[in-house]
N, C-alpha and C. Protein backbone atom coordinates (compact mmCIF):
# COMPACT_ATOMS: atom_id res chain seq x y z
N MET A 1 -15.57 -9.47 9.83
CA MET A 1 -15.45 -8.02 9.90
C MET A 1 -14.20 -7.51 9.16
N TRP A 2 -13.14 -8.32 9.11
CA TRP A 2 -11.89 -7.90 8.47
C TRP A 2 -12.13 -7.53 7.02
N TRP A 3 -13.02 -8.24 6.35
CA TRP A 3 -13.24 -8.04 4.92
C TRP A 3 -13.89 -6.69 4.63
N ILE A 4 -14.63 -6.15 5.58
CA ILE A 4 -15.21 -4.82 5.39
C ILE A 4 -14.09 -3.79 5.31
N TYR A 5 -13.14 -3.89 6.23
CA TYR A 5 -12.00 -2.98 6.21
C TYR A 5 -11.14 -3.19 4.96
N ALA A 6 -11.01 -4.44 4.54
CA ALA A 6 -10.22 -4.73 3.33
C ALA A 6 -10.89 -4.12 2.11
N LEU A 7 -12.22 -4.22 2.03
CA LEU A 7 -12.95 -3.61 0.90
C LEU A 7 -12.85 -2.08 0.95
N LEU A 8 -12.95 -1.51 2.13
CA LEU A 8 -12.79 -0.06 2.26
C LEU A 8 -11.36 0.35 1.86
N SER A 9 -10.38 -0.45 2.24
CA SER A 9 -9.01 -0.18 1.83
C SER A 9 -8.88 -0.17 0.31
N ALA A 10 -9.52 -1.14 -0.33
CA ALA A 10 -9.49 -1.20 -1.80
C ALA A 10 -10.16 0.02 -2.41
N LEU A 11 -11.29 0.43 -1.83
CA LEU A 11 -11.99 1.62 -2.33
C LEU A 11 -11.10 2.85 -2.21
N PHE A 12 -10.50 3.04 -1.03
CA PHE A 12 -9.65 4.21 -0.82
C PHE A 12 -8.39 4.15 -1.68
N ALA A 13 -7.86 2.96 -1.91
CA ALA A 13 -6.70 2.82 -2.79
C ALA A 13 -7.07 3.22 -4.22
N ALA A 14 -8.27 2.83 -4.65
CA ALA A 14 -8.73 3.22 -5.99
C ALA A 14 -8.88 4.73 -6.08
N LEU A 15 -9.46 5.34 -5.05
CA LEU A 15 -9.60 6.79 -5.04
C LEU A 15 -8.23 7.47 -5.00
N THR A 16 -7.29 6.86 -4.30
CA THR A 16 -5.93 7.39 -4.24
C THR A 16 -5.34 7.51 -5.65
N ALA A 17 -5.53 6.47 -6.45
CA ALA A 17 -4.99 6.48 -7.81
C ALA A 17 -5.63 7.58 -8.64
N ILE A 18 -6.92 7.71 -8.55
CA ILE A 18 -7.63 8.73 -9.34
C ILE A 18 -7.23 10.13 -8.90
N PHE A 19 -7.28 10.38 -7.59
CA PHE A 19 -6.92 11.70 -7.07
C PHE A 19 -5.45 12.03 -7.37
N ALA A 20 -4.57 11.04 -7.22
CA ALA A 20 -3.15 11.27 -7.44
C ALA A 20 -2.87 11.60 -8.91
N LYS A 21 -3.51 10.90 -9.81
CA LYS A 21 -3.28 11.13 -11.25
C LYS A 21 -3.57 12.59 -11.59
N VAL A 22 -4.64 13.11 -11.03
CA VAL A 22 -4.99 14.52 -11.29
C VAL A 22 -4.02 15.44 -10.54
N GLY A 23 -3.69 15.08 -9.30
CA GLY A 23 -2.86 15.92 -8.45
C GLY A 23 -1.41 16.03 -8.87
N ILE A 24 -0.88 15.04 -9.59
CA ILE A 24 0.54 15.08 -9.95
C ILE A 24 0.79 15.71 -11.31
N LYS A 25 -0.26 16.15 -11.96
CA LYS A 25 -0.10 16.76 -13.28
C LYS A 25 0.80 18.00 -13.18
N GLY A 26 1.96 17.92 -13.83
CA GLY A 26 2.89 19.05 -13.85
C GLY A 26 3.66 19.24 -12.56
N VAL A 27 3.68 18.23 -11.69
CA VAL A 27 4.35 18.34 -10.39
C VAL A 27 5.40 17.24 -10.28
N ASP A 28 6.51 17.55 -9.64
CA ASP A 28 7.51 16.53 -9.37
C ASP A 28 6.88 15.47 -8.46
N THR A 29 7.01 14.20 -8.83
CA THR A 29 6.34 13.14 -8.08
C THR A 29 6.91 12.96 -6.68
N ASP A 30 8.18 13.27 -6.47
CA ASP A 30 8.74 13.18 -5.12
C ASP A 30 8.13 14.24 -4.21
N LEU A 31 7.94 15.44 -4.75
CA LEU A 31 7.27 16.50 -3.99
C LEU A 31 5.83 16.10 -3.67
N ALA A 32 5.15 15.54 -4.65
CA ALA A 32 3.77 15.10 -4.44
C ALA A 32 3.71 14.02 -3.36
N THR A 33 4.67 13.11 -3.36
CA THR A 33 4.72 12.07 -2.33
C THR A 33 4.95 12.69 -0.95
N ALA A 34 5.81 13.69 -0.87
CA ALA A 34 6.08 14.36 0.40
C ALA A 34 4.82 15.05 0.94
N VAL A 35 4.09 15.72 0.06
CA VAL A 35 2.84 16.37 0.47
C VAL A 35 1.85 15.33 0.98
N ARG A 36 1.72 14.25 0.24
CA ARG A 36 0.82 13.17 0.63
C ARG A 36 1.21 12.60 1.98
N ALA A 37 2.50 12.42 2.22
CA ALA A 37 2.98 11.86 3.48
C ALA A 37 2.63 12.77 4.66
N VAL A 38 2.74 14.07 4.48
CA VAL A 38 2.40 15.01 5.54
C VAL A 38 0.91 14.93 5.86
N VAL A 39 0.09 14.85 4.83
CA VAL A 39 -1.36 14.73 5.05
C VAL A 39 -1.67 13.45 5.83
N ILE A 40 -1.04 12.35 5.44
CA ILE A 40 -1.27 11.08 6.13
C ILE A 40 -0.78 11.15 7.57
N LEU A 41 0.37 11.78 7.78
CA LEU A 41 0.90 11.95 9.12
C LEU A 41 -0.09 12.69 10.02
N ILE A 42 -0.61 13.78 9.53
CA ILE A 42 -1.57 14.58 10.30
C ILE A 42 -2.85 13.77 10.56
N LEU A 43 -3.35 13.12 9.53
CA LEU A 43 -4.57 12.33 9.68
C LEU A 43 -4.39 11.18 10.66
N ALA A 44 -3.29 10.46 10.53
CA ALA A 44 -3.04 9.32 11.42
C ALA A 44 -2.92 9.75 12.87
N TRP A 45 -2.15 10.81 13.14
CA TRP A 45 -2.01 11.29 14.52
C TRP A 45 -3.31 11.87 15.04
N ALA A 46 -4.10 12.50 14.20
CA ALA A 46 -5.40 13.02 14.64
C ALA A 46 -6.30 11.86 15.09
N ILE A 47 -6.28 10.76 14.36
CA ILE A 47 -7.09 9.59 14.73
C ILE A 47 -6.58 9.00 16.04
N VAL A 48 -5.26 8.85 16.17
CA VAL A 48 -4.68 8.30 17.40
C VAL A 48 -5.05 9.16 18.60
N LEU A 49 -4.91 10.47 18.46
CA LEU A 49 -5.22 11.38 19.57
C LEU A 49 -6.71 11.40 19.87
N PHE A 50 -7.55 11.38 18.85
CA PHE A 50 -9.00 11.37 19.03
C PHE A 50 -9.45 10.13 19.79
N LYS A 51 -8.85 8.99 19.46
CA LYS A 51 -9.21 7.73 20.10
C LYS A 51 -8.49 7.54 21.45
N GLY A 52 -7.54 8.41 21.75
CA GLY A 52 -6.82 8.31 23.02
C GLY A 52 -5.83 7.17 23.08
N ASN A 53 -5.31 6.77 21.93
CA ASN A 53 -4.39 5.64 21.88
C ASN A 53 -2.92 6.03 21.94
N ASN A 54 -2.63 7.31 22.14
CA ASN A 54 -1.24 7.77 22.11
C ASN A 54 -0.43 7.27 23.30
N ASN A 55 -1.08 6.83 24.39
CA ASN A 55 -0.32 6.33 25.54
C ASN A 55 0.31 4.96 25.25
N GLY A 56 -0.11 4.29 24.20
CA GLY A 56 0.44 2.99 23.83
C GLY A 56 1.82 3.07 23.23
N ILE A 57 2.28 4.26 22.90
CA ILE A 57 3.59 4.41 22.26
C ILE A 57 4.72 3.95 23.18
N SER A 58 4.54 4.13 24.48
CA SER A 58 5.58 3.72 25.43
C SER A 58 5.70 2.20 25.52
N GLY A 59 4.68 1.49 25.07
CA GLY A 59 4.70 0.03 25.12
C GLY A 59 5.31 -0.62 23.89
N LEU A 60 5.72 0.17 22.92
CA LEU A 60 6.33 -0.40 21.72
C LEU A 60 7.70 -0.98 22.04
N THR A 61 7.93 -2.19 21.59
CA THR A 61 9.22 -2.85 21.82
C THR A 61 10.22 -2.44 20.74
N LYS A 62 11.45 -2.86 20.94
CA LYS A 62 12.49 -2.60 19.93
C LYS A 62 12.10 -3.28 18.61
N THR A 63 11.54 -4.49 18.69
CA THR A 63 11.09 -5.20 17.49
C THR A 63 9.95 -4.43 16.80
N ASN A 64 9.00 -3.94 17.60
CA ASN A 64 7.92 -3.13 17.03
C ASN A 64 8.49 -1.95 16.26
N TRP A 65 9.38 -1.20 16.92
CA TRP A 65 9.98 -0.02 16.29
C TRP A 65 10.72 -0.39 15.01
N THR A 66 11.53 -1.43 15.08
CA THR A 66 12.33 -1.84 13.92
C THR A 66 11.45 -2.14 12.72
N PHE A 67 10.43 -2.98 12.95
CA PHE A 67 9.61 -3.39 11.81
C PHE A 67 8.61 -2.33 11.37
N LEU A 68 8.18 -1.47 12.27
CA LEU A 68 7.33 -0.35 11.85
C LEU A 68 8.14 0.66 11.03
N ILE A 69 9.38 0.87 11.40
CA ILE A 69 10.25 1.76 10.62
C ILE A 69 10.53 1.15 9.25
N LEU A 70 10.84 -0.14 9.21
CA LEU A 70 11.05 -0.81 7.92
C LEU A 70 9.80 -0.75 7.06
N SER A 71 8.64 -0.95 7.67
CA SER A 71 7.38 -0.86 6.94
C SER A 71 7.16 0.55 6.39
N GLY A 72 7.50 1.55 7.20
CA GLY A 72 7.39 2.93 6.74
C GLY A 72 8.31 3.22 5.57
N CYS A 73 9.52 2.70 5.63
CA CYS A 73 10.46 2.88 4.51
C CYS A 73 9.92 2.21 3.25
N ALA A 74 9.42 0.99 3.39
CA ALA A 74 8.86 0.28 2.24
C ALA A 74 7.65 1.04 1.67
N THR A 75 6.82 1.57 2.56
CA THR A 75 5.66 2.34 2.11
C THR A 75 6.09 3.58 1.34
N GLY A 76 7.06 4.30 1.88
CA GLY A 76 7.55 5.51 1.21
C GLY A 76 8.12 5.21 -0.17
N LEU A 77 8.92 4.17 -0.26
CA LEU A 77 9.48 3.79 -1.56
C LEU A 77 8.39 3.34 -2.52
N SER A 78 7.40 2.64 -1.99
CA SER A 78 6.27 2.22 -2.82
C SER A 78 5.52 3.43 -3.38
N TRP A 79 5.27 4.42 -2.53
CA TRP A 79 4.56 5.62 -2.98
C TRP A 79 5.35 6.38 -4.03
N ILE A 80 6.65 6.51 -3.81
CA ILE A 80 7.49 7.23 -4.77
C ILE A 80 7.42 6.55 -6.14
N CYS A 81 7.55 5.24 -6.15
CA CYS A 81 7.48 4.49 -7.41
C CYS A 81 6.07 4.55 -8.01
N TYR A 82 5.06 4.48 -7.17
CA TYR A 82 3.67 4.50 -7.62
C TYR A 82 3.34 5.83 -8.29
N PHE A 83 3.72 6.92 -7.65
CA PHE A 83 3.43 8.24 -8.23
C PHE A 83 4.16 8.43 -9.55
N LYS A 84 5.41 7.97 -9.63
CA LYS A 84 6.15 8.08 -10.88
C LYS A 84 5.48 7.25 -11.96
N ALA A 85 5.05 6.04 -11.61
CA ALA A 85 4.35 5.19 -12.57
C ALA A 85 3.05 5.85 -13.03
N LEU A 86 2.31 6.47 -12.10
CA LEU A 86 1.06 7.15 -12.46
C LEU A 86 1.32 8.32 -13.40
N GLN A 87 2.42 9.02 -13.16
CA GLN A 87 2.74 10.16 -14.02
C GLN A 87 3.06 9.70 -15.44
N LEU A 88 3.69 8.53 -15.56
CA LEU A 88 4.11 8.03 -16.86
C LEU A 88 3.07 7.15 -17.56
N GLY A 89 2.18 6.56 -16.79
CA GLY A 89 1.23 5.60 -17.37
C GLY A 89 -0.21 5.92 -17.05
N LYS A 90 -1.08 5.05 -17.49
CA LYS A 90 -2.52 5.20 -17.26
C LYS A 90 -2.89 4.55 -15.94
N VAL A 91 -3.84 5.16 -15.22
CA VAL A 91 -4.33 4.61 -13.97
C VAL A 91 -4.85 3.19 -14.18
N SER A 92 -5.52 2.98 -15.30
CA SER A 92 -6.11 1.67 -15.59
C SER A 92 -5.06 0.58 -15.80
N GLN A 93 -3.81 0.97 -15.97
CA GLN A 93 -2.71 -0.01 -16.08
C GLN A 93 -1.87 -0.03 -14.80
N VAL A 94 -1.56 1.14 -14.29
CA VAL A 94 -0.67 1.23 -13.13
C VAL A 94 -1.31 0.63 -11.88
N ALA A 95 -2.55 0.99 -11.59
CA ALA A 95 -3.20 0.51 -10.36
C ALA A 95 -3.30 -1.01 -10.31
N PRO A 96 -3.74 -1.67 -11.38
CA PRO A 96 -3.78 -3.13 -11.31
C PRO A 96 -2.39 -3.78 -11.20
N VAL A 97 -1.41 -3.24 -11.88
CA VAL A 97 -0.06 -3.81 -11.79
C VAL A 97 0.46 -3.63 -10.36
N ASP A 98 0.16 -2.50 -9.75
CA ASP A 98 0.54 -2.26 -8.37
C ASP A 98 -0.03 -3.33 -7.45
N LYS A 99 -1.16 -3.87 -7.81
CA LYS A 99 -1.81 -4.90 -6.99
C LYS A 99 -1.12 -6.26 -7.12
N LEU A 100 -0.09 -6.33 -7.94
CA LEU A 100 0.76 -7.52 -7.93
C LEU A 100 1.35 -7.70 -6.53
N SER A 101 1.36 -6.62 -5.78
CA SER A 101 1.82 -6.69 -4.39
C SER A 101 1.03 -7.72 -3.58
N VAL A 102 -0.21 -7.96 -3.95
CA VAL A 102 -1.02 -8.97 -3.26
C VAL A 102 -0.39 -10.35 -3.45
N ALA A 103 -0.06 -10.69 -4.68
CA ALA A 103 0.55 -12.00 -4.95
C ALA A 103 1.92 -12.09 -4.29
N ILE A 104 2.69 -11.01 -4.35
CA ILE A 104 4.01 -11.00 -3.72
C ILE A 104 3.87 -11.17 -2.20
N ALA A 105 2.87 -10.50 -1.61
CA ALA A 105 2.64 -10.62 -0.16
C ALA A 105 2.26 -12.05 0.22
N ILE A 106 1.49 -12.72 -0.64
CA ILE A 106 1.12 -14.11 -0.37
C ILE A 106 2.37 -14.98 -0.34
N VAL A 107 3.23 -14.82 -1.34
CA VAL A 107 4.47 -15.62 -1.39
C VAL A 107 5.34 -15.32 -0.18
N LEU A 108 5.51 -14.05 0.15
CA LEU A 108 6.36 -13.68 1.29
C LEU A 108 5.77 -14.15 2.62
N SER A 109 4.43 -14.14 2.73
CA SER A 109 3.81 -14.61 3.97
C SER A 109 4.02 -16.10 4.19
N VAL A 110 4.07 -16.84 3.08
CA VAL A 110 4.34 -18.28 3.18
C VAL A 110 5.81 -18.50 3.55
N LEU A 111 6.71 -17.79 2.87
CA LEU A 111 8.15 -17.99 3.08
C LEU A 111 8.64 -17.50 4.45
N PHE A 112 8.17 -16.32 4.88
CA PHE A 112 8.74 -15.71 6.07
C PHE A 112 7.86 -15.78 7.31
N LEU A 113 6.55 -15.91 7.13
CA LEU A 113 5.65 -15.96 8.28
C LEU A 113 5.09 -17.35 8.54
N GLY A 114 5.37 -18.26 7.61
CA GLY A 114 4.90 -19.63 7.79
C GLY A 114 3.41 -19.81 7.60
N GLU A 115 2.76 -18.87 6.91
CA GLU A 115 1.33 -19.00 6.68
C GLU A 115 1.08 -20.12 5.68
N PRO A 116 -0.03 -20.84 5.84
CA PRO A 116 -0.31 -21.94 4.91
C PRO A 116 -0.69 -21.42 3.52
N LEU A 117 -0.29 -22.15 2.51
CA LEU A 117 -0.66 -21.82 1.13
C LEU A 117 -1.73 -22.81 0.70
N THR A 118 -2.96 -22.34 0.65
CA THR A 118 -4.07 -23.20 0.24
C THR A 118 -4.21 -23.15 -1.28
N PHE A 119 -4.96 -24.09 -1.81
CA PHE A 119 -5.21 -24.11 -3.25
C PHE A 119 -5.91 -22.82 -3.68
N LYS A 120 -6.85 -22.37 -2.87
CA LYS A 120 -7.60 -21.16 -3.19
C LYS A 120 -6.69 -19.93 -3.22
N THR A 121 -5.83 -19.82 -2.22
CA THR A 121 -4.90 -18.69 -2.16
C THR A 121 -3.90 -18.72 -3.30
N ALA A 122 -3.35 -19.90 -3.56
CA ALA A 122 -2.38 -20.04 -4.66
C ALA A 122 -3.03 -19.73 -6.00
N SER A 123 -4.26 -20.20 -6.19
CA SER A 123 -4.98 -19.93 -7.45
C SER A 123 -5.21 -18.44 -7.63
N GLY A 124 -5.62 -17.77 -6.56
CA GLY A 124 -5.84 -16.33 -6.62
C GLY A 124 -4.57 -15.58 -6.96
N ALA A 125 -3.46 -15.98 -6.33
CA ALA A 125 -2.18 -15.33 -6.59
C ALA A 125 -1.76 -15.54 -8.04
N LEU A 126 -1.93 -16.75 -8.55
CA LEU A 126 -1.57 -17.04 -9.94
C LEU A 126 -2.43 -16.23 -10.92
N LEU A 127 -3.70 -16.07 -10.60
CA LEU A 127 -4.57 -15.26 -11.46
C LEU A 127 -4.15 -13.79 -11.45
N ILE A 128 -3.76 -13.29 -10.28
CA ILE A 128 -3.27 -11.91 -10.20
C ILE A 128 -2.01 -11.75 -11.04
N ILE A 129 -1.09 -12.70 -10.91
CA ILE A 129 0.15 -12.66 -11.68
C ILE A 129 -0.15 -12.71 -13.19
N ALA A 130 -1.07 -13.59 -13.58
CA ALA A 130 -1.44 -13.68 -15.01
C ALA A 130 -2.06 -12.37 -15.49
N GLY A 131 -2.93 -11.79 -14.70
CA GLY A 131 -3.55 -10.52 -15.07
C GLY A 131 -2.54 -9.41 -15.19
N THR A 132 -1.57 -9.41 -14.31
CA THR A 132 -0.51 -8.40 -14.37
C THR A 132 0.29 -8.53 -15.65
N ILE A 133 0.63 -9.76 -16.01
CA ILE A 133 1.38 -10.01 -17.25
C ILE A 133 0.59 -9.53 -18.46
N VAL A 134 -0.72 -9.80 -18.46
CA VAL A 134 -1.58 -9.35 -19.56
C VAL A 134 -1.56 -7.83 -19.67
N LEU A 135 -1.65 -7.13 -18.53
CA LEU A 135 -1.69 -5.67 -18.54
C LEU A 135 -0.36 -5.06 -18.97
N ILE A 136 0.74 -5.69 -18.60
CA ILE A 136 2.06 -5.14 -18.95
C ILE A 136 2.33 -5.32 -20.44
N PHE A 137 2.00 -6.50 -20.96
CA PHE A 137 2.31 -6.78 -22.36
C PHE A 137 1.05 -6.74 -23.20
């Protein structure tokens, strides 16, 4: 079942790139990121409230808060850089290079989370890295 959500994530990420490229035309990318963040904030809280999951907030630990805040900071910085890259480059180049994050996440998951590195996973990461190099140069 996880792969269905992963494929939907990929679809929405692709739509994000297309919609953003049109939306940032003639707009400061930091402002565009701020608008996008507000929309996501409203959407995320609407889903939490609709599903009735808001009572779980009291159960968040200090570790949960710390790493969710760090994740939010990383996401915000990623969006700021992504929108600037989209403004300066082509979606067909920026979006795939942005997916180098997959290979980086694989390396970091092995180093910091102790996840196993299989031949299949390593091969996929190397292919992503090679594809990114091809697109950049």
